[in-house]
Protein backbone atom coordinates (compact mmCIF):
# COMPACT_ATOMS: atom_id res chain seq x y z
CA MET A 1 13.23 -6.63 -33.68
CA GLU A 2 12.62 -10.18 -34.61
CA ASN A 3 11.39 -10.95 -31.09
CA PHE A 4 8.13 -9.12 -31.68
CA LYS A 5 5.23 -10.97 -33.27
CA LYS A 6 1.48 -10.82 -33.65
CA LEU A 7 -0.70 -13.20 -31.75
CA GLY A 8 -4.45 -13.42 -32.25
CA GLY A 9 -4.63 -9.85 -33.53
CA ILE A 10 -2.88 -8.64 -30.38
CA LEU A 11 0.70 -7.50 -30.57
CA LEU A 12 2.82 -9.81 -28.45
CA GLY A 13 6.27 -8.46 -27.64
CA ALA A 14 8.88 -11.07 -26.97
CA PHE A 15 12.06 -9.93 -25.28
CA LEU A 16 15.02 -11.64 -23.72
CA ALA A 17 14.89 -10.00 -20.32
CA ALA A 18 15.11 -10.22 -16.54
CA SER A 19 13.69 -8.08 -13.77
CA VAL A 20 13.12 -7.50 -10.06
CA CYS A 21 9.99 -6.83 -8.03
CA ARG A 22 11.12 -3.88 -5.91
CA ALA A 23 9.03 -1.45 -7.90
CA ASP A 24 7.88 1.83 -6.56
CA TRP A 25 4.52 3.10 -7.60
CA THR A 26 5.46 6.73 -8.06
CA MET A 27 8.52 6.81 -10.24
CA GLU A 28 6.82 5.06 -13.14
CA LEU A 29 4.70 8.08 -13.94
CA LEU A 30 6.37 11.21 -12.67
CA ASN A 31 9.74 9.77 -11.74
CA GLY A 32 9.43 10.29 -8.03
CA GLN A 33 6.37 12.44 -7.55
CA ASN A 34 3.55 10.69 -5.79
CA ASP A 35 0.86 11.30 -8.40
CA ARG A 36 -0.80 8.41 -10.20
CA LYS A 37 -1.81 10.51 -13.17
CA GLU A 38 -3.41 9.33 -16.37
CA VAL A 39 -0.96 9.07 -19.24
CA LYS A 40 -1.23 9.19 -23.02
CA LEU A 41 -0.27 5.91 -24.67
CA ASN A 42 -2.19 4.64 -27.68
CA LEU A 43 -2.48 0.92 -28.37
CA PRO A 44 -1.20 -1.13 -30.05
CA LEU A 45 2.42 -0.58 -29.04
CA LYS A 46 5.37 -1.28 -31.26
CA PRO A 47 9.09 -1.66 -30.42
CA LYS A 48 11.42 1.30 -30.74
CA TRP A 49 14.74 0.12 -29.29
CA LYS A 50 16.36 -2.22 -26.79
CA LYS A 51 19.54 -1.45 -24.87
CA VAL A 52 21.38 -2.90 -21.91
CA TYR A 53 22.68 -0.60 -19.19
CA GLY A 54 23.94 -1.37 -15.70
CA LEU A 55 21.08 0.25 -13.82
CA ALA A 56 20.97 1.00 -10.12
CA SER A 57 17.72 2.92 -10.19
CA ASP A 58 14.66 3.65 -12.27
CA PRO A 59 15.33 5.92 -15.23
CA VAL A 60 14.00 9.45 -15.25
CA LEU A 61 12.11 10.74 -18.27
CA MET A 62 11.88 14.53 -17.98
CA ASP A 63 11.64 17.42 -20.43
CA GLY A 64 12.04 14.97 -23.31
CA ARG A 65 15.36 13.70 -21.92
CA LEU A 66 16.11 10.28 -20.49
CA PHE A 67 18.53 9.73 -17.59
CA MET A 68 19.63 6.77 -15.51
CA VAL A 69 21.73 6.81 -12.36
CA GLN A 70 24.93 4.80 -12.21
CA ARG A 71 27.60 4.12 -9.63
CA GLU A 72 31.28 4.30 -10.56
CA ARG A 73 33.55 2.73 -7.97
CA PRO A 74 37.29 3.47 -7.83
CA LEU A 75 39.62 0.64 -8.72
CA PHE A 76 41.65 0.99 -5.54
CA PHE A 77 41.34 4.28 -3.68
CA GLY A 78 39.18 7.37 -3.93
CA LYS A 79 35.52 8.21 -3.77
CA THR A 80 32.56 6.54 -5.44
CA LYS A 81 30.94 8.66 -8.13
CA LEU A 82 27.22 8.87 -8.75
CA THR A 83 26.53 9.77 -12.36
CA ALA A 84 23.42 10.33 -14.46
CA LEU A 85 23.84 8.74 -17.86
CA GLU A 86 21.84 10.65 -20.47
CA VAL A 87 20.37 8.45 -23.20
CA ASP A 88 18.87 9.53 -26.50
CA LYS A 89 15.16 8.83 -26.21
CA GLU A 90 14.79 8.08 -29.92
CA THR A 91 17.69 5.64 -30.32
CA GLY A 92 18.62 4.45 -26.83
CA LYS A 93 22.25 5.43 -27.37
CA ALA A 94 24.27 6.98 -24.54
CA VAL A 95 24.80 10.69 -25.10
CA LYS A 96 26.57 12.08 -22.06
CA THR A 97 27.55 11.28 -18.47
CA HIS A 98 26.65 13.87 -15.82
CA LEU A 99 28.58 13.83 -12.53
CA VAL A 100 25.92 14.32 -9.85
CA GLY A 101 28.07 13.81 -6.78
CA GLU A 102 30.59 11.61 -5.03
CA THR A 103 31.07 10.15 -1.59
CA GLU A 104 33.11 7.56 0.27
CA HIS A 105 30.72 4.65 -0.14
CA VAL A 106 27.38 3.97 -1.83
CA LYS A 107 25.19 0.89 -1.82
CA TYR A 108 21.51 1.74 -2.32
CA ARG A 109 20.58 4.64 -4.58
CA ARG A 110 17.49 6.13 -6.18
CA MET A 111 16.84 8.97 -8.64
CA MET A 112 13.85 11.11 -9.50
CA GLY A 113 13.15 14.12 -11.69
CA TYR A 114 11.31 17.23 -10.57
CA ARG A 115 10.99 20.70 -12.18
CA GLY A 116 14.00 20.30 -14.44
CA LYS A 117 16.24 18.90 -11.71
CA LEU A 118 17.54 15.43 -10.93
CA TYR A 119 17.59 14.34 -7.32
CA VAL A 120 19.68 11.34 -6.33
CA SER A 121 19.67 9.63 -2.95
CA ALA A 122 22.17 7.08 -1.72
CA SER A 123 22.79 5.17 1.49
CA TRP A 124 25.21 2.72 2.99
CA LEU A 125 25.74 0.85 6.24
CA ASP A 126 29.18 1.05 7.78
CA SER A 127 29.59 -2.46 9.17
CA ARG A 128 33.34 -2.44 9.63
CA ASP A 129 32.73 -2.52 13.38
CA PHE A 130 29.87 -4.99 13.89
CA SER A 131 29.35 -3.79 17.45
CA ASN A 132 28.97 -0.19 16.30
CA GLU A 133 27.22 -0.13 12.91
CA LYS A 134 26.44 3.29 11.44
CA PHE A 135 23.95 4.20 8.73
CA TYR A 136 24.47 7.14 6.34
CA ALA A 137 22.21 8.72 3.73
CA TYR A 138 22.89 11.39 1.10
CA VAL A 139 20.87 13.56 -1.27
CA TRP A 140 22.14 15.50 -4.28
CA GLY A 141 20.38 18.01 -6.52
CA TYR A 142 21.48 18.42 -10.15
CA ASP A 143 20.27 20.97 -12.73
CA ILE A 144 19.92 19.38 -16.19
CA LYS A 145 19.85 22.80 -17.90
CA THR A 146 23.11 24.14 -16.47
CA GLU A 147 24.46 20.60 -16.10
CA LYS A 148 25.82 21.38 -12.65
CA PRO A 149 25.21 20.04 -9.14
CA ILE A 150 23.17 22.50 -7.05
CA TRP A 151 23.36 20.99 -3.54
CA LYS A 152 24.26 18.00 -1.39
CA LYS A 153 23.04 16.88 2.03
CA GLU A 154 24.38 14.19 4.33
CA ILE A 155 22.42 12.49 7.11
CA GLY A 156 24.10 10.39 9.73
CA PRO A 157 25.66 8.58 11.31
CA ILE A 158 22.47 6.91 12.52
CA GLN A 159 22.67 4.07 15.00
CA ASP A 160 19.42 2.16 15.26
CA ASP A 161 18.67 -1.28 16.62
CA PRO A 162 18.32 -3.39 14.66
CA ILE A 163 19.53 -2.16 11.28
CA ILE A 164 19.11 -4.71 8.50
CA GLU A 165 21.50 -3.90 5.70
CA GLU A 166 19.54 -5.57 2.93
CA GLU A 167 16.49 -3.42 3.68
CA GLN A 168 18.21 -0.07 4.10
CA GLY A 169 17.54 2.65 1.61
CA ALA A 170 16.81 6.33 1.17
CA TRP A 171 13.75 6.92 -1.02
CA LEU A 172 12.68 10.19 -2.64
CA ASN A 173 9.53 12.07 -3.48
CA ALA A 174 8.79 15.70 -4.40
CA ASP A 175 5.94 18.18 -4.61
CA GLU A 176 5.12 21.83 -3.83
CA GLY A 177 8.76 22.87 -4.27
CA LYS A 178 10.00 20.37 -1.71
CA VAL A 179 12.01 17.16 -1.81
CA PHE A 180 11.19 14.43 0.71
CA LEU A 181 13.59 11.71 1.82
CA THR A 182 12.35 8.59 3.62
CA LEU A 183 14.79 6.31 5.42
CA LEU A 184 13.57 2.74 5.36
CA ARG A 185 13.62 0.55 8.47
CA VAL A 186 14.71 3.41 10.74
CA HIS A 187 12.32 3.49 13.69
CA LYS A 188 14.00 5.28 16.63
CA HIS A 189 15.49 8.22 14.74
CA ASP A 190 14.20 10.79 12.28
CA LYS A 191 12.92 8.88 9.26
CA LEU A 192 11.35 11.59 7.08
CA PHE A 193 13.23 14.71 5.91
CA CYS A 194 11.96 17.71 3.93
CA PHE A 195 14.31 19.89 1.85
CA ASP A 196 13.82 22.99 -0.27
CA ALA A 197 14.08 21.67 -3.83
CA GLU A 198 16.09 24.67 -5.09
CA THR A 199 18.52 25.27 -2.23
CA GLY A 200 18.67 21.99 -0.36
CA LYS A 201 17.90 23.72 2.92
CA MET A 202 16.43 21.24 5.39
CA LEU A 203 13.00 22.58 6.30
CA TRP A 204 12.07 19.90 8.82
CA SER A 205 12.53 16.28 9.84
CA THR A 206 10.49 13.95 12.01
CA LYS A 207 10.52 10.62 13.82
CA LYS A 208 6.79 10.28 13.19
CA PRO A 209 5.12 7.89 13.04
CA ASP A 210 6.80 7.24 16.38
CA LEU A 211 8.56 3.92 17.08
CA ALA A 212 7.59 2.69 13.64
CA ALA A 213 9.54 1.72 10.56
CA ALA A 214 8.73 2.71 6.98
CA GLY A 215 8.81 -0.19 4.56
CA GLU A 216 9.16 -0.02 0.79
CA THR A 217 6.97 3.02 0.47
CA TYR A 218 7.01 6.75 -0.15
CA PRO A 219 5.23 9.58 1.57
CA THR A 220 2.01 10.55 -0.15
CA ILE A 221 1.54 14.27 -0.78
CA GLY A 222 -1.73 16.14 -1.19
CA GLY A 223 -3.91 18.88 0.25
CA GLY A 224 -0.99 20.58 1.99
CA LYS A 225 -0.18 17.37 3.87
CA VAL A 226 2.36 14.57 3.83
CA PHE A 227 1.12 11.08 4.71
CA LEU A 228 3.51 8.36 5.83
CA GLY A 229 2.51 4.88 6.90
CA THR A 230 4.53 2.11 8.47
CA ASP A 231 4.60 -1.63 8.24
CA GLN A 232 5.25 -4.21 10.92
CA GLY A 233 9.00 -3.74 10.85
CA PHE A 234 10.62 -4.97 14.03
CA VAL A 235 9.24 -6.42 17.23
CA GLY A 236 7.88 -3.56 19.28
CA CYS A 237 7.20 -1.33 16.27
CA LYS A 238 3.76 0.20 15.96
CA ALA A 239 1.60 0.21 12.86
CA GLN A 240 0.76 3.86 12.27
CA LEU A 241 -0.42 6.28 9.65
CA ALA A 242 0.52 9.92 10.21
CA ALA A 243 -0.54 13.13 8.48
CA LEU A 244 1.99 15.97 8.67
CA ASP A 245 1.80 19.61 7.67
CA ILE A 246 3.82 19.90 4.47
CA ASN A 247 5.43 23.22 5.48
CA THR A 248 6.31 22.52 9.12
CA GLY A 249 6.23 18.74 9.63
CA LYS A 250 3.75 19.23 12.48
CA VAL A 251 1.68 16.12 13.18
CA LEU A 252 -1.93 16.81 12.26
CA TRP A 253 -3.09 13.34 13.18
CA GLU A 254 -1.60 9.92 13.85
CA LYS A 255 -3.66 6.77 14.01
CA SER A 256 -3.60 3.01 14.30
CA PHE A 257 -6.34 0.94 12.69
CA ILE A 258 -7.39 -2.32 14.34
CA ARG A 259 -9.26 -5.28 12.89
CA ASN A 260 -10.05 -8.40 14.94
CA LYS A 261 -7.75 -7.12 17.70
CA LYS A 262 -4.79 -6.98 15.33
CA PRO A 263 -3.23 -3.83 13.83
CA LEU A 264 -3.41 -2.97 10.15
CA PHE A 265 -0.02 -2.28 8.59
CA LEU A 266 0.60 -0.32 5.44
CA ALA A 267 1.12 -2.96 2.77
CA ASP A 268 4.67 -3.23 1.43
CA LYS A 269 5.23 -1.39 -1.87
CA ALA A 270 1.85 0.28 -1.48
CA CYS A 271 1.69 4.04 -1.07
CA PRO A 272 -1.58 5.65 -0.07
CA LEU A 273 -3.27 7.52 -2.91
CA PHE A 274 -4.56 11.09 -2.49
CA LYS A 275 -7.35 11.95 -4.92
CA ASP A 276 -9.91 14.79 -4.69
CA ASN A 277 -9.39 15.21 -0.94
CA VAL A 278 -9.77 11.52 -0.11
CA LEU A 279 -6.91 9.28 1.02
CA TYR A 280 -7.09 5.67 -0.20
CA VAL A 281 -4.89 3.35 1.85
CA PRO A 282 -4.14 -0.35 1.21
CA PHE A 283 -3.57 -2.15 4.53
CA ARG A 284 -2.69 -5.66 5.55
CA ARG A 285 -3.41 -7.41 8.86
CA GLN A 286 -1.46 -10.60 8.30
CA ILE A 287 0.44 -12.05 5.38
CA SER A 288 -2.71 -12.78 3.37
CA GLU A 289 -5.29 -10.56 5.02
CA GLY A 290 -5.94 -6.92 4.34
CA THR A 291 -8.36 -4.17 3.51
CA LEU A 292 -8.65 -0.96 1.50
CA LEU A 293 -9.73 2.11 3.48
CA ALA A 294 -10.93 5.46 2.18
CA LEU A 295 -10.05 8.12 4.76
CA ASN A 296 -10.83 11.76 5.38
CA PRO A 297 -7.34 13.29 5.02
CA ASP A 298 -8.14 16.04 7.54
CA ASN A 299 -8.68 13.73 10.50
CA GLY A 300 -8.16 10.11 9.42
CA GLU A 301 -11.86 9.26 9.76
CA ILE A 302 -12.89 6.15 7.80
CA LEU A 303 -15.26 6.98 4.93
CA TRP A 304 -15.62 3.43 3.68
CA GLU A 305 -13.88 0.08 3.79
CA PHE A 306 -13.52 -2.54 1.06
CA GLN A 307 -12.70 -6.23 1.39
CA ASP A 308 -13.32 -9.12 -0.92
CA ASN A 309 -15.83 -11.79 0.08
CA ASP A 310 -13.00 -13.83 1.60
CA PRO A 311 -11.10 -11.54 4.00
CA LYS A 312 -8.24 -14.02 4.22
CA ALA A 313 -7.61 -13.66 0.49
CA SER A 314 -7.79 -9.88 0.33
CA PHE A 315 -4.26 -8.57 0.74
CA PHE A 316 -3.78 -5.37 -1.28
CA TYR A 317 -0.16 -5.43 -2.40
CA ASN A 318 -0.16 -2.38 -4.69
CA SER A 319 -1.01 1.28 -4.57
CA PRO A 320 -4.41 1.78 -6.21
CA LEU A 321 -5.21 3.77 -9.31
CA ALA A 322 -8.13 6.19 -9.57
CA ASP A 323 -10.09 8.12 -12.16
CA GLU A 324 -13.14 10.32 -11.70
CA THR A 325 -15.51 7.53 -10.67
CA LYS A 326 -13.56 4.36 -9.86
CA ILE A 327 -10.73 2.98 -7.79
CA TYR A 328 -8.66 0.23 -9.38
CA ALA A 329 -7.12 -1.98 -6.70
CA ALA A 330 -5.00 -5.12 -6.96
CA GLU A 331 -4.77 -8.10 -4.68
CA PHE A 332 -1.52 -9.86 -3.88
CA ALA A 333 -2.19 -12.76 -6.19
CA ASP A 334 -5.55 -13.40 -7.81
CA TYR A 335 -7.81 -10.44 -8.52
CA TYR A 336 -8.09 -6.81 -9.51
CA TYR A 337 -11.15 -4.78 -8.54
CA PHE A 338 -13.18 -1.92 -9.98
CA ILE A 339 -14.54 -0.09 -6.91
CA ARG A 340 -16.93 2.86 -6.88
CA ARG A 341 -15.14 5.83 -5.37
CA LYS A 342 -18.05 7.46 -3.60
CA ASP A 343 -19.04 4.49 -1.41
CA GLY A 344 -16.57 1.62 -1.91
CA LYS A 345 -19.06 -0.63 -3.69
CA LEU A 346 -17.56 -3.40 -5.82
CA LEU A 347 -18.44 -2.86 -9.48
CA GLU A 348 -16.42 -5.61 -11.11
CA ARG A 349 -13.76 -8.16 -10.28
CA GLY A 350 -11.24 -9.55 -12.79
CA LYS A 351 -8.58 -12.22 -12.54
CA PHE A 352 -4.90 -11.71 -13.25
CA LYS A 353 -3.55 -14.06 -15.92
CA PRO A 354 -1.13 -15.44 -14.81
CA ASN A 355 -1.34 -14.45 -11.17
CA ALA A 356 2.21 -14.48 -9.81
CA TYR A 357 3.02 -11.13 -8.14
CA PRO A 358 0.80 -8.94 -10.32
CA GLU A 359 1.37 -5.21 -9.94
CA LEU A 360 -0.65 -2.25 -11.22
CA ARG A 361 1.45 0.07 -13.34
CA PHE A 362 -0.45 2.99 -14.90
CA MET A 363 -3.65 3.95 -16.65
CA THR A 364 -4.95 6.05 -19.52
CA LYS A 365 -8.47 7.32 -20.08
CA SER A 366 -9.50 3.99 -21.58
CA TYR A 367 -7.37 1.24 -20.01
CA PHE A 368 -5.05 0.30 -17.17
CA ALA A 369 -1.86 -1.77 -17.31
CA TYR A 370 -0.49 -4.39 -14.95
CA SER A 371 2.59 -6.60 -14.92
CA THR A 372 2.64 -10.24 -13.91
CA ARG A 373 4.75 -13.33 -14.44
CA GLU A 374 4.97 -17.08 -14.61
CA GLU A 375 8.05 -19.26 -14.68
CA GLY A 376 10.42 -17.95 -17.33
CA HIS A 377 8.11 -15.19 -18.56
CA ASN A 378 7.05 -11.67 -17.59
CA TYR A 379 4.01 -9.94 -19.05
CA LEU A 380 2.66 -6.43 -19.38
CA VAL A 381 -1.11 -6.55 -19.85
CA PHE A 382 -3.52 -3.79 -20.89
CA VAL A 383 -7.17 -4.03 -19.76
CA ASP A 384 -10.17 -1.94 -20.85
CA LYS A 385 -11.43 0.11 -17.87
CA ASN A 386 -15.07 -0.24 -18.82
CA SER A 387 -15.44 -3.79 -20.08
CA GLY A 388 -12.52 -5.50 -18.34
CA GLN A 389 -11.50 -6.96 -21.72
CA GLU A 390 -7.81 -7.59 -22.35
CA LEU A 391 -6.63 -5.30 -25.13
CA GLN A 392 -2.99 -6.23 -25.48
CA ARG A 393 -0.47 -8.53 -23.83
CA MET A 394 3.28 -8.16 -24.15
CA GLU A 395 5.61 -10.96 -23.18
CA PHE A 396 9.16 -10.63 -21.85
CA PRO A 397 10.83 -14.07 -21.65
CA GLU A 398 13.71 -14.30 -19.20
CA GLU A 399 17.21 -14.82 -20.48
CA LYS A 400 18.46 -18.36 -20.33
CA GLY A 401 20.81 -19.04 -17.47
CA ASN A 402 19.03 -16.97 -14.82
CA THR A 403 19.12 -18.94 -11.58
CA ALA A 404 16.39 -17.05 -9.71
CA PRO A 405 12.94 -15.70 -10.63
CA GLN A 406 13.08 -12.26 -12.21
CA TYR A 407 10.44 -9.50 -12.20
CA ILE A 408 9.78 -6.32 -14.12
CA LEU A 409 11.42 -3.52 -12.17
CA ASP A 410 9.52 -0.55 -13.48
CA VAL A 411 7.36 0.80 -16.26
CA ILE A 412 7.56 4.47 -17.24
CA ALA A 413 4.82 5.71 -19.53
CA ASP A 414 4.14 9.19 -20.86
CA ASP A 415 3.61 11.14 -24.08
CA ASN A 416 2.88 8.03 -26.17
CA PHE A 417 6.19 6.48 -25.12
CA LEU A 418 6.82 3.49 -22.85
CA LEU A 419 9.93 2.19 -21.10
CA VAL A 420 10.07 -1.27 -19.56
CA VAL A 421 12.97 -1.65 -17.15
CA VAL A 422 14.44 -4.94 -15.98
CA GLU A 423 16.95 -5.81 -13.28
CA ASP A 424 19.90 -6.66 -15.48
CA GLY A 425 19.88 -3.15 -16.95
CA THR A 426 17.89 -3.97 -20.08
CA ILE A 427 15.52 -1.23 -21.17
CA TYR A 428 12.85 -1.74 -23.82
CA ALA A 429 11.42 1.37 -25.45
CA LEU A 430 8.08 1.20 -27.21
CA GLU A 431 5.91 3.78 -28.87
CA GLY A 432 2.18 4.05 -29.12
CA ALA A 433 0.10 4.11 -32.24
CA ALA A 434 -0.56 7.40 -33.98
CA ASN A 435 -3.85 9.14 -33.19
């Protein structure tokens, strides 16, 4: 690839690309499972292949196989098909199309991989009668070994007030043999559903947190519990964080957190992180104000709280990362923080360069990676976890002709292999250096 070049001893990847900022912080690493694990990826990286696919969801990298979900609409009549396109990991070439399921209509869809299965969710808002809008969600299970669908579930019709079509979606997560479906922006009806991963049997569903709407987030799973937080949502919605028993859905605790007489909302795109029986939760109070809380997962008790020196410039936009001793947290715009896990003490603060919508992506034993952008360019940056020194910066220039800002959609890293996904369906595969 002629677009790759060396700059100052650091490999600088130049791509013609575009992207979107609706990233989820779980699919990048385990394709749906809420576990911010360390990955193996040796620097410097070098390009492997570049392909363009019409993506509707993050790819799934599982058991050495790469899949991406696609929607096939009928020309005139018939059902919409949801397919998983299998792509050769080494070359990027399409290998096979797997029919996961079909339904009348599909708008928003997601895919994750778990224990050798693909799970695809889809949703759509029936707005044909504006006075009687109905929301539907679907989940399919697909076995990649037998190459056959294993189950399908339909939820709906749901009538909620208000339902905002652009923000509707059905997001997935999985752990402990269970698949979890979260309906975004639903606040009066059941919003979290738990299914048996093998059979599709619905084990439980809940409206909790009550009268609250889940934003662009996933339930966090750990210690036999499921944690779901809510953002501001609609007028009258409450800001809540609930802990549920993973087997029954029973509410173990449900709390609101108040600062300066105003509620803390779970920050958009920021899932709580469960690590060694502590729950780390990024909150916001207003658009540019927030805090990071460490909670006892058994009762929601605050163990410590972290804010920057200027509370009005401390809005944690991302899910944090964690290793054995530190939390790595990112602010909405300017800074990333190294925070001591045991007491929340600030160890080091670094500045994103540039600082437009930076987002933490993943970490290895020696570094962490974040994406950021400036006009016309996206970057993936690798930073040493001990010194804070930048180790490598990869650039992804936007294609000419784009009329709106574009953002990196997702980054999937594992087994010395990296995928960078952009909105227009372009996927860049890179491989790490040999040991």
